[in-house]
């Protein structure tokens, strides 16, 4: 598995948003081209030569700056916004509307033009590339949703976070990757009303005897 980005990799997204880098910023042009290519074609469908063509540079320059397609992917797919302030604000509202607030924030974030290419690149790649799958889990479950579970001080927080994450991953794949209608066209508020109650139950409701459920499942093959 590839390691994370090293020193010299892209600055935080606040310095990368807006127009594509100018002609003198070769590394920035490569990253912008890579984000577009990974968003459209995923990790397996994107080649270094294609990224170089989009950036109008020699493929050798891509290898010079990033070494490999895997390292290029990790650098290009750095999440462009901080999530630290989002989930405490979600947790602070009425508990019975918690799931709806999560869906609203999730869809609103995905719909942002500075965020969607990164998330699409990760989502399209997650089914075939283990690094992308780890990044997808990190964006949705391992960090923010588990932090939300800790804020709520609920039992079985890890299981609850995973259940919510599974719903959000399915929503993302249906709305943004498969473009499943009418989900792809519904406003964020409508999706929040439809999907939110399920997330609220996962986070706050009775999940039954999880210990018994694990025992009934038996050992993993």
Protein backbone atom coordinates (compact mmCIF):
# COMPACT_ATOMS: atom_id res chain seq x y z
CA UNK A 1 0.00 0.00 0.00
CA UNK A 2 1.27 3.43 -0.87
CA UNK A 3 2.19 5.79 1.92
CA UNK A 4 0.52 9.16 2.31
CA UNK A 5 1.69 12.32 0.62
CA UNK A 6 5.19 13.46 1.45
CA UNK A 7 6.60 16.91 2.05
CA UNK A 8 6.05 19.08 -0.97
CA UNK A 9 2.68 17.55 -1.82
CA UNK A 10 -0.27 19.92 -2.35
CA UNK A 11 -1.03 22.65 0.13
CA UNK A 12 -4.43 22.56 1.87
CA UNK A 13 -7.37 22.98 -0.43
CA UNK A 14 -7.97 26.57 0.61
CA UNK A 15 -4.90 27.43 -1.47
CA UNK A 16 -5.94 25.20 -4.39
CA UNK A 17 -9.55 26.23 -5.03
CA UNK A 18 -10.68 28.40 -7.88
CA UNK A 19 -9.27 28.50 -11.39
CA UNK A 20 -6.91 25.86 -12.70
CA UNK A 21 -3.23 26.61 -12.07
CA UNK A 22 -1.51 28.85 -14.59
CA UNK A 23 0.88 27.62 -17.25
CA UNK A 24 3.91 28.06 -15.00
CA UNK A 25 2.59 25.78 -12.26
CA UNK A 26 3.40 22.41 -13.81
CA UNK A 27 2.80 20.39 -10.66
CA UNK A 28 -0.51 22.13 -10.01
CA UNK A 29 -1.64 21.51 -13.60
CA UNK A 30 -0.84 17.82 -13.24
CA UNK A 31 -2.84 17.60 -10.00
CA UNK A 32 -5.81 19.42 -11.51
CA UNK A 33 -5.74 17.15 -14.56
CA UNK A 34 -5.46 14.07 -12.34
CA UNK A 35 -8.47 15.09 -10.24
CA UNK A 36 -10.55 15.48 -13.41
CA UNK A 37 -9.39 12.14 -14.85
CA UNK A 38 -9.87 10.16 -11.63
CA UNK A 39 -13.33 11.72 -11.14
CA UNK A 40 -14.39 10.64 -14.65
CA UNK A 41 -12.65 7.27 -14.97
CA UNK A 42 -11.54 6.08 -11.53
CA UNK A 43 -8.11 4.78 -10.63
CA UNK A 44 -8.04 1.75 -12.92
CA UNK A 45 -9.39 3.64 -15.92
CA UNK A 46 -6.91 6.52 -15.67
CA UNK A 47 -3.40 6.35 -17.09
CA UNK A 48 -0.39 8.54 -16.45
CA UNK A 49 -0.28 9.30 -20.18
CA UNK A 50 -3.89 10.53 -20.07
CA UNK A 51 -3.17 12.81 -17.11
CA UNK A 52 -0.08 14.15 -18.88
CA UNK A 53 -2.13 14.86 -21.99
CA UNK A 54 -4.77 16.75 -20.01
CA UNK A 55 -2.05 18.77 -18.27
CA UNK A 56 -0.19 19.29 -21.56
CA UNK A 57 3.10 17.96 -20.18
CA UNK A 58 5.38 15.04 -20.99
CA UNK A 59 4.48 11.84 -19.05
CA UNK A 60 8.02 11.83 -17.69
CA UNK A 61 7.14 14.97 -15.72
CA UNK A 62 4.28 13.17 -13.98
CA UNK A 63 6.72 10.48 -12.84
CA UNK A 64 9.23 13.16 -11.89
CA UNK A 65 6.81 14.90 -9.54
CA UNK A 66 4.89 11.90 -8.20
CA UNK A 67 6.83 8.73 -8.96
CA UNK A 68 3.84 6.49 -9.67
CA UNK A 69 0.14 6.60 -10.49
CA UNK A 70 -0.66 5.49 -6.92
CA UNK A 71 1.27 8.41 -5.41
CA UNK A 72 -0.36 10.77 -7.90
CA UNK A 73 -3.78 9.49 -6.85
CA UNK A 74 -3.08 10.03 -3.15
CA UNK A 75 -1.81 13.56 -3.79
CA UNK A 76 -4.68 14.51 -6.10
CA UNK A 77 -7.37 13.07 -3.86
CA UNK A 78 -6.49 14.93 -0.67
CA UNK A 79 -9.83 15.97 0.79
CA UNK A 80 -10.29 19.67 0.02
CA UNK A 81 -12.21 20.81 3.10
CA UNK A 82 -11.95 20.28 6.82
CA UNK A 83 -14.72 18.31 8.49
CA UNK A 84 -13.84 19.12 12.09
CA UNK A 85 -16.46 21.86 12.45
CA UNK A 86 -19.26 20.11 10.56
CA UNK A 87 -20.17 17.24 12.84
CA UNK A 88 -20.15 19.08 16.19
CA UNK A 89 -22.67 21.49 14.64
CA UNK A 90 -24.77 18.54 13.42
CA UNK A 91 -24.72 16.95 16.87
CA UNK A 92 -25.86 20.18 18.52
CA UNK A 93 -29.33 20.23 16.92
CA UNK A 94 -32.50 18.34 17.92
CA UNK A 95 -31.67 14.65 18.28
CA UNK A 96 -34.77 13.44 16.45
CA UNK A 97 -33.56 15.29 13.33
CA UNK A 98 -29.94 14.13 13.57
CA UNK A 99 -30.03 11.83 10.55
CA UNK A 100 -31.67 14.46 8.37
CA UNK A 101 -28.94 16.96 9.27
CA UNK A 102 -26.25 14.42 8.37
CA UNK A 103 -27.80 13.73 4.96
CA UNK A 104 -28.31 17.44 4.29
CA UNK A 105 -24.68 18.22 5.13
CA UNK A 106 -23.41 15.19 3.18
CA UNK A 107 -25.29 15.98 -0.03
CA UNK A 108 -24.53 19.69 0.21
CA UNK A 109 -20.83 18.87 0.54
CA UNK A 110 -20.89 16.49 -2.43
CA UNK A 111 -22.64 19.08 -4.58
CA UNK A 112 -19.89 21.66 -4.10
CA UNK A 113 -17.85 22.05 -7.31
CA UNK A 114 -14.58 22.24 -5.37
CA UNK A 115 -15.33 18.97 -3.56
CA UNK A 116 -17.21 16.74 -6.00
CA UNK A 117 -14.26 15.84 -8.30
CA UNK A 118 -12.24 14.58 -5.33
CA UNK A 119 -15.10 12.55 -3.88
CA UNK A 120 -16.03 11.15 -7.28
CA UNK A 121 -12.43 10.11 -7.88
CA UNK A 122 -12.31 8.30 -4.54
CA UNK A 123 -15.75 6.71 -4.99
CA UNK A 124 -15.12 5.48 -8.53
CA UNK A 125 -11.80 3.99 -7.44
CA UNK A 126 -12.81 2.48 -4.09
CA UNK A 127 -14.19 -0.75 -5.54
CA UNK A 128 -10.92 -1.70 -7.23
CA UNK A 129 -8.12 0.10 -5.37
CA UNK A 130 -7.41 -0.57 -1.68
CA UNK A 131 -5.89 2.86 -1.09
CA UNK A 132 -9.01 4.54 -2.47
CA UNK A 133 -11.21 2.27 -0.34
CA UNK A 134 -9.23 3.28 2.74
CA UNK A 135 -9.60 6.95 1.82
CA UNK A 136 -13.37 6.50 1.34
CA UNK A 137 -13.67 4.90 4.77
CA UNK A 138 -11.54 7.65 6.27
CA UNK A 139 -13.66 10.44 4.81
CA UNK A 140 -16.95 8.91 5.97
CA UNK A 141 -16.47 6.53 8.87
CA UNK A 142 -13.07 6.27 10.52
CA UNK A 143 -12.86 9.98 11.30
CA UNK A 144 -16.03 12.08 11.27
CA UNK A 145 -18.75 9.53 12.00
CA UNK A 146 -16.85 7.91 14.84
CA UNK A 147 -16.16 11.36 16.22
CA UNK A 148 -19.89 12.05 16.01
CA UNK A 149 -20.62 8.84 17.91
CA UNK A 150 -18.22 9.94 20.63
CA UNK A 151 -19.93 13.33 20.85
CA UNK A 152 -23.31 11.66 21.22
CA UNK A 153 -21.96 9.33 23.94
CA UNK A 154 -23.95 6.33 22.68
CA UNK A 155 -23.18 2.64 23.20
CA UNK A 156 -21.79 0.61 20.29
CA UNK A 157 -20.58 3.83 18.66
CA UNK A 158 -18.26 2.03 16.23
CA UNK A 159 -21.05 -0.20 14.91
CA UNK A 160 -23.42 2.75 14.64
CA UNK A 161 -20.86 4.76 12.70
CA UNK A 162 -20.31 1.87 10.30
CA UNK A 163 -24.05 1.49 9.71
CA UNK A 164 -24.43 5.19 8.96
CA UNK A 165 -21.36 5.06 6.73
CA UNK A 166 -22.82 2.16 4.75
CA UNK A 167 -25.96 4.20 4.07
CA UNK A 168 -23.99 7.27 3.00
CA UNK A 169 -21.71 5.22 0.74
CA UNK A 170 -24.76 3.70 -0.91
CA UNK A 171 -26.33 7.14 -1.30
CA UNK A 172 -23.15 8.52 -2.85
CA UNK A 173 -22.79 5.64 -5.30
CA UNK A 174 -26.45 5.83 -6.32
CA UNK A 175 -26.65 9.61 -6.67
CA UNK A 176 -23.24 10.53 -8.05
CA UNK A 177 -21.71 7.44 -9.67
CA UNK A 178 -24.64 5.35 -10.97
CA UNK A 179 -26.81 8.48 -11.38
CA UNK A 180 -29.84 6.49 -10.22
CA UNK A 181 -33.03 8.48 -10.76
CA UNK A 182 -34.87 10.05 -9.05
CA UNK A 183 -32.19 9.97 -6.33
CA UNK A 184 -29.73 11.75 -8.60
CA UNK A 185 -32.06 14.69 -9.09
CA UNK A 186 -33.74 15.04 -5.70
CA UNK A 187 -32.84 18.15 -3.69
CA UNK A 188 -30.75 17.68 -0.58
CA UNK A 189 -33.72 18.50 1.64
CA UNK A 190 -35.87 15.78 0.09
CA UNK A 191 -33.14 13.19 0.52
CA UNK A 192 -32.67 14.32 4.11
CA UNK A 193 -36.35 13.71 4.84
CA UNK A 194 -36.32 10.29 3.16
CA UNK A 195 -33.02 8.86 4.39
CA UNK A 196 -32.53 10.81 7.61
CA UNK A 197 -34.82 8.73 9.87
CA UNK A 198 -32.83 5.58 9.08
CA UNK A 199 -29.59 7.29 10.08
CA UNK A 200 -31.18 8.60 13.27
CA UNK A 201 -32.23 5.08 14.21
CA UNK A 202 -28.75 3.75 13.51
CA UNK A 203 -27.17 6.40 15.72
CA UNK A 204 -29.68 6.69 18.55
CA UNK A 205 -32.12 3.79 18.33
CA UNK A 206 -32.18 0.31 19.82
CA UNK A 207 -29.91 -1.98 17.81
CA UNK A 208 -30.89 -5.05 19.78
CA UNK A 209 -28.41 -7.42 21.37
CA UNK A 210 -25.31 -6.91 19.27
CA UNK A 211 -23.34 -9.46 21.28
CA UNK A 212 -25.92 -12.12 20.38
CA UNK A 213 -25.89 -11.02 16.76
CA UNK A 214 -22.11 -11.42 16.58
CA UNK A 215 -22.34 -14.84 18.19
CA UNK A 216 -25.05 -15.95 15.75
CA UNK A 217 -22.92 -14.85 12.82
CA UNK A 218 -20.13 -17.22 13.87
CA UNK A 219 -16.45 -16.88 13.05
CA UNK A 220 -15.37 -15.22 9.84
CA UNK A 221 -14.42 -17.70 7.08
